C-alpha atoms as a PDB file:
ATOM      1  CA  MET A   1      -3.592   5.062   4.689  1.00  0.00           C
ATOM      2  CA  ALA A   2      -1.638   2.896   2.436  1.00  0.00           C
ATOM      3  CA  TYR A   3       1.138   3.880   0.217  1.00  0.00           C
ATOM      4  CA  LEU A   4      -0.192   3.509  -3.471  1.00  0.00           C
ATOM      5  CA  LYS A   5       1.984   3.155  -6.808  1.00  0.00           C
ATOM      6  CA  GLU A   6       0.588   2.637 -10.204  1.00  0.00           C
ATOM      7  CA  ASN A   7       2.485   2.273 -13.112  1.00  0.00           C
ATOM      8  CA  LEU A   8       1.450   3.076 -16.919  1.00  0.00           C
ATOM      9  CA  THR A   9       3.364   2.405 -19.832  1.00  0.00           C
ATOM     10  CA  PHE A  10       4.278   4.858 -22.420  1.00  0.00           C
ATOM     11  CA  ASP A  11       1.828   3.475 -24.828  1.00  0.00           C
ATOM     12  CA  ARG A  12      -1.013   3.003 -22.242  1.00  0.00           C
ATOM     13  CA  ALA A  13      -0.371   6.469 -21.044  1.00  0.00           C
ATOM     14  CA  GLY A  14      -0.599   7.861 -24.765  1.00  0.00           C
ATOM     15  CA  MET A  15       2.566   9.739 -23.812  1.00  0.00           C
ATOM     16  CA  VAL A  16       3.495  12.619 -26.286  1.00  0.00           C
ATOM     17  CA  LEU A  17       6.910  14.376 -26.300  1.00  0.00           C
ATOM     18  CA  GLU A  18       7.186  18.116 -26.691  1.00  0.00           C
ATOM     19  CA  SER A  19      10.214  20.048 -27.191  1.00  0.00           C
ATOM     20  CA  VAL A  20       9.516  23.985 -26.304  1.00  0.00           C
ATOM     21  CA  LYS A  21      11.942  26.777 -26.946  1.00  0.00           C
ATOM     22  CA  GLU A  22      12.343  28.708 -23.972  1.00  0.00           C
ATOM     23  CA  ASP A  23      14.826  31.493 -22.956  1.00  0.00           C
ATOM     24  CA  GLY A  24      16.219  32.243 -26.321  1.00  0.00           C
ATOM     25  CA  ASP A  25      17.433  29.170 -28.304  1.00  0.00           C
ATOM     26  CA  LYS A  26      17.266  26.925 -25.084  1.00  0.00           C
ATOM     27  CA  LYS A  27      14.753  23.939 -25.522  1.00  0.00           C
ATOM     28  CA  SER A  28      12.929  22.238 -22.721  1.00  0.00           C
ATOM     29  CA  LEU A  29      11.463  18.642 -23.090  1.00  0.00           C
ATOM     30  CA  TYR A  30       8.059  17.692 -21.981  1.00  0.00           C
ATOM     31  CA  MET A  31       6.090  14.745 -21.626  1.00  0.00           C
ATOM     32  CA  LYS A  32       2.214  14.658 -21.656  1.00  0.00           C
ATOM     33  CA  GLY A  33      -0.526  12.167 -21.355  1.00  0.00           C
ATOM     34  CA  ILE A  34      -2.575   9.973 -18.995  1.00  0.00           C
ATOM     35  CA  PHE A  35      -1.075  10.034 -15.214  1.00  0.00           C
ATOM     36  CA  ILE A  36      -3.961   7.738 -13.483  1.00  0.00           C
ATOM     37  CA  GLN A  37      -6.555   5.864 -14.899  1.00  0.00           C
ATOM     38  CA  GLY A  38     -10.006   5.991 -12.806  1.00  0.00           C
ATOM     39  CA  GLY A  39     -13.095   3.893 -12.874  1.00  0.00           C
ATOM     40  CA  ILE A  40     -11.285   0.613 -13.894  1.00  0.00           C
ATOM     41  CA  LYS A  41      -9.461  -2.034 -12.057  1.00  0.00           C
ATOM     42  CA  ASN A  42      -5.951  -1.985 -13.009  1.00  0.00           C
ATOM     43  CA  ALA A  43      -3.230  -4.240 -12.809  1.00  0.00           C
ATOM     44  CA  ASN A  44      -2.778  -3.963  -9.137  1.00  0.00           C
ATOM     45  CA  GLU A  45      -6.431  -4.961  -8.538  1.00  0.00           C
ATOM     46  CA  ARG A  46      -7.088  -1.434  -7.316  1.00  0.00           C
ATOM     47  CA  ILE A  47     -10.224   0.786  -8.554  1.00  0.00           C
ATOM     48  CA  TYR A  48      -9.756   4.398  -8.416  1.00  0.00           C
ATOM     49  CA  PRO A  49     -13.469   6.148  -8.669  1.00  0.00           C
ATOM     50  CA  VAL A  50     -13.485   9.149 -11.040  1.00  0.00           C
ATOM     51  CA  SER A  51     -14.490  11.410  -8.312  1.00  0.00           C
ATOM     52  CA  GLU A  52     -11.504  10.376  -6.228  1.00  0.00           C
ATOM     53  CA  ILE A  53      -9.176  11.173  -9.264  1.00  0.00           C
ATOM     54  CA  GLU A  54     -10.940  14.478  -9.878  1.00  0.00           C
ATOM     55  CA  SER A  55     -10.253  15.819  -6.296  1.00  0.00           C
ATOM     56  CA  ALA A  56      -6.693  14.526  -5.930  1.00  0.00           C
ATOM     57  CA  VAL A  57      -6.012  16.260  -9.567  1.00  0.00           C
ATOM     58  CA  ASN A  58      -8.032  19.629  -8.466  1.00  0.00           C
ATOM     59  CA  THR A  59      -5.753  19.398  -5.208  1.00  0.00           C
ATOM     60  CA  LEU A  60      -2.437  19.082  -7.077  1.00  0.00           C
ATOM     61  CA  ASN A  61      -3.282  21.765  -9.232  1.00  0.00           C
ATOM     62  CA  GLU A  62      -3.981  23.930  -6.494  1.00  0.00           C
ATOM     63  CA  GLN A  63      -0.398  23.454  -5.090  1.00  0.00           C
ATOM     64  CA  ILE A  64       0.879  24.400  -8.721  1.00  0.00           C
ATOM     65  CA  THR A  65      -0.859  27.546  -9.002  1.00  0.00           C
ATOM     66  CA  THR A  66      -0.021  28.866  -5.841  1.00  0.00           C
ATOM     67  CA  GLY A  67       3.856  28.438  -6.443  1.00  0.00           C
ATOM     68  CA  TYR A  68       4.440  25.094  -4.980  1.00  0.00           C
ATOM     69  CA  SER A  69       6.934  22.954  -7.028  1.00  0.00           C
ATOM     70  CA  VAL A  70       5.808  19.513  -7.528  1.00  0.00           C
ATOM     71  CA  LEU A  71       8.775  17.369  -8.153  1.00  0.00           C
ATOM     72  CA  GLY A  72       9.331  13.818  -9.589  1.00  0.00           C
ATOM     73  CA  GLU A  73      11.895  11.381  -9.407  1.00  0.00           C
ATOM     74  CA  VAL A  74      13.282   8.536 -11.848  1.00  0.00           C
ATOM     75  CA  ASP A  75      12.350   5.134 -11.010  1.00  0.00           C
ATOM     76  CA  HIS A  76      10.368   3.963  -7.719  1.00  0.00           C
ATOM     77  CA  PRO A  77      11.519   5.128  -4.232  1.00  0.00           C
ATOM     78  CA  ASP A  78       9.827   3.008  -1.461  1.00  0.00           C
ATOM     79  CA  ASP A  79       8.136   5.897   0.290  1.00  0.00           C
ATOM     80  CA  LEU A  80       6.246   9.388  -0.056  1.00  0.00           C
ATOM     81  CA  LYS A  81       9.640  11.219   0.504  1.00  0.00           C
ATOM     82  CA  ILE A  82      11.008  13.333  -2.497  1.00  0.00           C
ATOM     83  CA  ASN A  83      14.864  12.555  -2.846  1.00  0.00           C
ATOM     84  CA  LEU A  84      16.419  15.715  -4.475  1.00  0.00           C
ATOM     85  CA  ASP A  85      19.325  13.953  -5.560  1.00  0.00           C
ATOM     86  CA  ARG A  86      16.890  11.480  -8.011  1.00  0.00           C
ATOM     87  CA  VAL A  87      14.754  14.384  -9.290  1.00  0.00           C
ATOM     88  CA  SER A  88      14.363  14.597 -12.819  1.00  0.00           C
ATOM     89  CA  HIS A  89      11.328  16.521 -13.630  1.00  0.00           C
ATOM     90  CA  MET A  90       8.498  18.877 -12.352  1.00  0.00           C
ATOM     91  CA  ILE A  91       4.880  18.450 -13.131  1.00  0.00           C
ATOM     92  CA  THR A  92       3.469  21.632 -14.437  1.00  0.00           C
ATOM     93  CA  GLN A  93      -0.238  20.766 -14.704  1.00  0.00           C
ATOM     94  CA  MET A  94      -2.844  18.045 -14.137  1.00  0.00           C
ATOM     95  CA  TRP A  95      -6.285  18.201 -15.662  1.00  0.00           C
ATOM     96  CA  MET A  96      -9.192  15.545 -15.954  1.00  0.00           C
ATOM     97  CA  ASP A  97     -10.242  14.137 -19.410  1.00  0.00           C
ATOM     98  CA  GLY A  98     -13.047  11.660 -18.830  1.00  0.00           C
ATOM     99  CA  ALA A  99     -12.387   9.234 -16.271  1.00  0.00           C
ATOM    100  CA  ASN A 100      -8.627   9.772 -16.316  1.00  0.00           C
ATOM    101  CA  GLY A 101      -6.080  12.277 -14.941  1.00  0.00           C
ATOM    102  CA  PHE A 102      -3.802  13.657 -17.414  1.00  0.00           C
ATOM    103  CA  GLY A 103      -0.739  15.495 -16.947  1.00  0.00           C
ATOM    104  CA  LYS A 104       2.195  17.559 -18.193  1.00  0.00           C
ATOM    105  CA  LEU A 105       5.820  17.262 -16.893  1.00  0.00           C
ATOM    106  CA  LYS A 106       8.976  19.260 -17.750  1.00  0.00           C
ATOM    107  CA  ILE A 107      12.298  17.616 -17.666  1.00  0.00           C
ATOM    108  CA  LEU A 108      14.751  19.535 -15.477  1.00  0.00           C
ATOM    109  CA  PRO A 109      18.338  20.026 -16.204  1.00  0.00           C
ATOM    110  CA  THR A 110      19.497  17.933 -13.322  1.00  0.00           C
ATOM    111  CA  PRO A 111      21.730  14.835 -13.532  1.00  0.00           C
ATOM    112  CA  MET A 112      18.682  12.567 -13.500  1.00  0.00           C
ATOM    113  CA  GLY A 113      16.822  15.015 -15.919  1.00  0.00           C
ATOM    114  CA  GLN A 114      19.816  14.740 -18.467  1.00  0.00           C
ATOM    115  CA  LEU A 115      19.644  11.110 -18.199  1.00  0.00           C
ATOM    116  CA  VAL A 116      15.861  10.968 -18.903  1.00  0.00           C
ATOM    117  CA  THR A 117      16.313  13.360 -21.677  1.00  0.00           C
ATOM    118  CA  THR A 118      19.200  11.523 -23.279  1.00  0.00           C
ATOM    119  CA  MET A 119      17.001   8.092 -23.129  1.00  0.00           C
ATOM    120  CA  LEU A 120      14.037   9.871 -24.726  1.00  0.00           C
ATOM    121  CA  GLU A 121      16.165  11.426 -27.478  1.00  0.00           C
ATOM    122  CA  ALA A 122      17.549   7.860 -28.260  1.00  0.00           C
ATOM    123  CA  GLY A 123      14.265   6.407 -28.729  1.00  0.00           C
ATOM    124  CA  VAL A 124      13.649   4.764 -25.267  1.00  0.00           C
ATOM    125  CA  LYS A 125       9.886   4.741 -24.040  1.00  0.00           C
ATOM    126  CA  LEU A 126       9.621   5.862 -20.759  1.00  0.00           C
ATOM    127  CA  GLY A 127       6.339   5.185 -18.708  1.00  0.00           C
ATOM    128  CA  VAL A 128       4.880   7.172 -15.747  1.00  0.00           C
ATOM    129  CA  SER A 129       3.877   6.020 -12.282  1.00  0.00           C
ATOM    130  CA  SER A 130       1.554   7.920  -9.939  1.00  0.00           C
ATOM    131  CA  ARG A 131       2.726   8.106  -6.333  1.00  0.00           C
ATOM    132  CA  GLY A 132       0.279   8.694  -3.494  1.00  0.00           C
ATOM    133  CA  SER A 133      -1.975   7.721  -0.312  1.00  0.00           C
ATOM    134  CA  GLY A 134      -5.176   6.359   0.110  1.00  0.00           C
ATOM    135  CA  ASN A 135      -7.451   3.666   1.632  1.00  0.00           C
ATOM    136  CA  VAL A 136      -8.168   0.500  -0.123  1.00  0.00           C
ATOM    137  CA  ASN A 137     -11.167  -1.658   0.467  1.00  0.00           C
ATOM    138  CA  GLU A 138     -10.101  -5.013   0.777  1.00  0.00           C
ATOM    139  CA  ALA A 139     -13.440  -6.383  -0.553  1.00  0.00           C
ATOM    140  CA  ASP A 140     -13.421  -4.758  -4.020  1.00  0.00           C
ATOM    141  CA  GLY A 141     -10.231  -2.786  -4.123  1.00  0.00           C
ATOM    142  CA  ARG A 142     -11.835   0.520  -4.256  1.00  0.00           C
ATOM    143  CA  VAL A 143      -9.685   3.263  -3.279  1.00  0.00           C
ATOM    144  CA  SER A 144     -10.899   6.308  -0.931  1.00  0.00           C
ATOM    145  CA  ASP A 145      -9.377   9.664   0.489  1.00  0.00           C
ATOM    146  CA  PHE A 146      -6.980   9.425  -2.519  1.00  0.00           C
ATOM    147  CA  GLU A 147      -3.906  11.907  -2.711  1.00  0.00           C
ATOM    148  CA  ILE A 148      -1.560  12.144  -5.490  1.00  0.00           C
ATOM    149  CA  ILE A 149       1.879  13.157  -3.992  1.00  0.00           C
ATOM    150  CA  THR A 150       3.757  13.163  -7.289  1.00  0.00           C
ATOM    151  CA  VAL A 151       4.195  11.416 -10.562  1.00  0.00           C
ATOM    152  CA  ASP A 152       7.632   9.688 -11.406  1.00  0.00           C
ATOM    153  CA  VAL A 153       9.115   8.354 -14.843  1.00  0.00           C
ATOM    154  CA  VAL A 154       9.860   4.850 -14.978  1.00  0.00           C
ATOM    155  CA  ALA A 155      11.057   2.309 -17.554  1.00  0.00           C
ATOM    156  CA  GLN A 156       8.743   0.369 -19.892  1.00  0.00           C
ATOM    157  CA  PRO A 157       7.497  -2.752 -17.916  1.00  0.00           C
ATOM    158  CA  SER A 158       7.746  -5.679 -20.048  1.00  0.00           C
ATOM    159  CA  ALA A 159       4.414  -6.905 -18.824  1.00  0.00           C
ATOM    160  CA  PRO A 160       1.293  -5.474 -16.878  1.00  0.00           C
ATOM    161  CA  ASN A 161       2.297  -6.722 -13.583  1.00  0.00           C
ATOM    162  CA  ALA A 162       5.921  -6.310 -14.008  1.00  0.00           C
ATOM    163  CA  TYR A 163       8.196  -3.997 -11.703  1.00  0.00           C
ATOM    164  CA  PRO A 164       9.817  -1.419 -13.831  1.00  0.00           C
ATOM    165  CA  LYS A 165      13.469  -2.119 -14.131  1.00  0.00           C
ATOM    166  CA  ALA A 166      15.898   0.284 -11.882  1.00  0.00           C
ATOM    167  CA  ILE A 167      17.450   2.462 -14.366  1.00  0.00           C
ATOM    168  CA  TYR A 168      19.643   3.992 -11.911  1.00  0.00           C
ATOM    169  CA  GLU A 169      20.631   0.907 -10.058  1.00  0.00           C
ATOM    170  CA  GLY A 170      21.253  -0.845 -13.253  1.00  0.00           C
ATOM    171  CA  MET A 171      23.776   1.762 -14.381  1.00  0.00           C
ATOM    172  CA  MET A 172      25.339   1.856 -11.142  1.00  0.00           C
ATOM    173  CA  ASN A 173      26.174  -1.874 -11.577  1.00  0.00           C
ATOM    174  CA  MET A 174      27.468  -1.522 -15.109  1.00  0.00           C
ATOM    175  CA  LYS A 175      30.857  -1.027 -16.129  1.00  0.00           C
ATOM    176  CA  TYR A 176      31.465   3.002 -16.242  1.00  0.00           C
ATOM    177  CA  GLY A 177      27.987   3.554 -14.980  1.00  0.00           C
ATOM    178  CA  HIS A 178      29.160   5.258 -11.811  1.00  0.00           C
ATOM    179  CA  LYS A 179      31.581   7.358 -13.810  1.00  0.00           C
ATOM    180  CA  THR A 180      28.845   8.252 -16.238  1.00  0.00           C
ATOM    181  CA  LEU A 181      26.521   9.576 -13.431  1.00  0.00           C
ATOM    182  CA  GLN A 182      29.428  11.572 -11.791  1.00  0.00           C
ATOM    183  CA  ILE A 183      30.273  13.242 -15.066  1.00  0.00           C
ATOM    184  CA  ALA A 184      26.528  14.330 -15.242  1.00  0.00           C
ATOM    185  CA  LYS A 185      26.745  16.060 -11.925  1.00  0.00           C
ATOM    186  CA  GLU A 186      29.713  17.969 -13.027  1.00  0.00           C
ATOM    187  CA  ALA A 187      28.896  18.589 -16.488  1.00  0.00           C
ATOM    188  CA  GLN A 188      26.110  21.073 -16.828  1.00  0.00           C
ATOM    189  CA  ASP A 189      27.964  23.812 -17.922  1.00  0.00           C
ATOM    190  CA  ASN A 190      30.624  22.287 -20.339  1.00  0.00           C
ATOM    191  CA  LYS A 191      29.255  21.445 -23.833  1.00  0.00           C
ATOM    192  CA  LYS A 192      32.131  19.140 -24.736  1.00  0.00           C
ATOM    193  CA  VAL A 193      31.648  16.960 -21.748  1.00  0.00           C
ATOM    194  CA  GLN A 194      27.989  16.973 -22.290  1.00  0.00           C
ATOM    195  CA  LYS A 195      28.589  15.592 -25.559  1.00  0.00           C
ATOM    196  CA  TYR A 196      30.605  12.722 -24.299  1.00  0.00           C
ATOM    197  CA  LEU A 197      28.079  12.200 -21.476  1.00  0.00           C
ATOM    198  CA  GLN A 198      25.508  11.601 -24.199  1.00  0.00           C
ATOM    199  CA  ASP A 199      27.540   9.225 -26.166  1.00  0.00           C
ATOM    200  CA  GLU A 200      28.122   7.289 -23.267  1.00  0.00           C
ATOM    201  CA  VAL A 201      24.501   7.052 -21.995  1.00  0.00           C
ATOM    202  CA  VAL A 202      23.459   6.169 -25.424  1.00  0.00           C
ATOM    203  CA  ARG A 203      25.869   3.251 -25.116  1.00  0.00           C
ATOM    204  CA  LEU A 204      24.454   2.150 -21.800  1.00  0.00           C
ATOM    205  CA  ILE A 205      20.760   2.315 -22.730  1.00  0.00           C
ATOM    206  CA  ARG A 206      21.852  -0.284 -25.599  1.00  0.00           C
ATOM    207  CA  ASP A 207      23.144  -2.324 -22.888  1.00  0.00           C
ATOM    208  CA  LEU A 208      20.203  -2.150 -20.524  1.00  0.00           C
ATOM    209  CA  LYS A 209      18.221  -4.068 -23.332  1.00  0.00           C
ATOM    210  CA  LEU A 210      14.957  -1.933 -22.583  1.00  0.00           C
END
């Protein structure tokens, strides 16, 4: 079984942002769009048959409906493990529309989730990347026995074959980046600190030149 990652930019995924009021005046931010494309050869020279996409989507939905939390991260880990310190969102639904697997994810109030929220509210276009496993036919690139583990949020690639810029590592290497992330961990219930955090992250986003 191969470890499979497939990127979709904000535009290619047809991503839509939704702000939903929940629990009184508290609002939650959602991203909705194409999570994985089927029936075409993608930038990684792989083809996911529609039947494989549909089976993987149904399996993931069964997990969600039975109470399993399908969590996703910021940027790309190198394996199928979910790292709790990098979790930014939770997938709430997936469905088929034509050849593609669509989905909806909810941004969580974790440090990485707050980072994603601030970026989206500042106008940064973030894409998505499916993470899963399957067998790839070396002759024609067709994928079989496909399973979706999760869908991550990634920075906008500059070209179809470009590896997304590592937002987290980029911030850690910048002046005040570590301080900002540390504040995020301690600021969930402090509105004044949250305002400072938002201003700092917006400043760092401009420096990242996405």
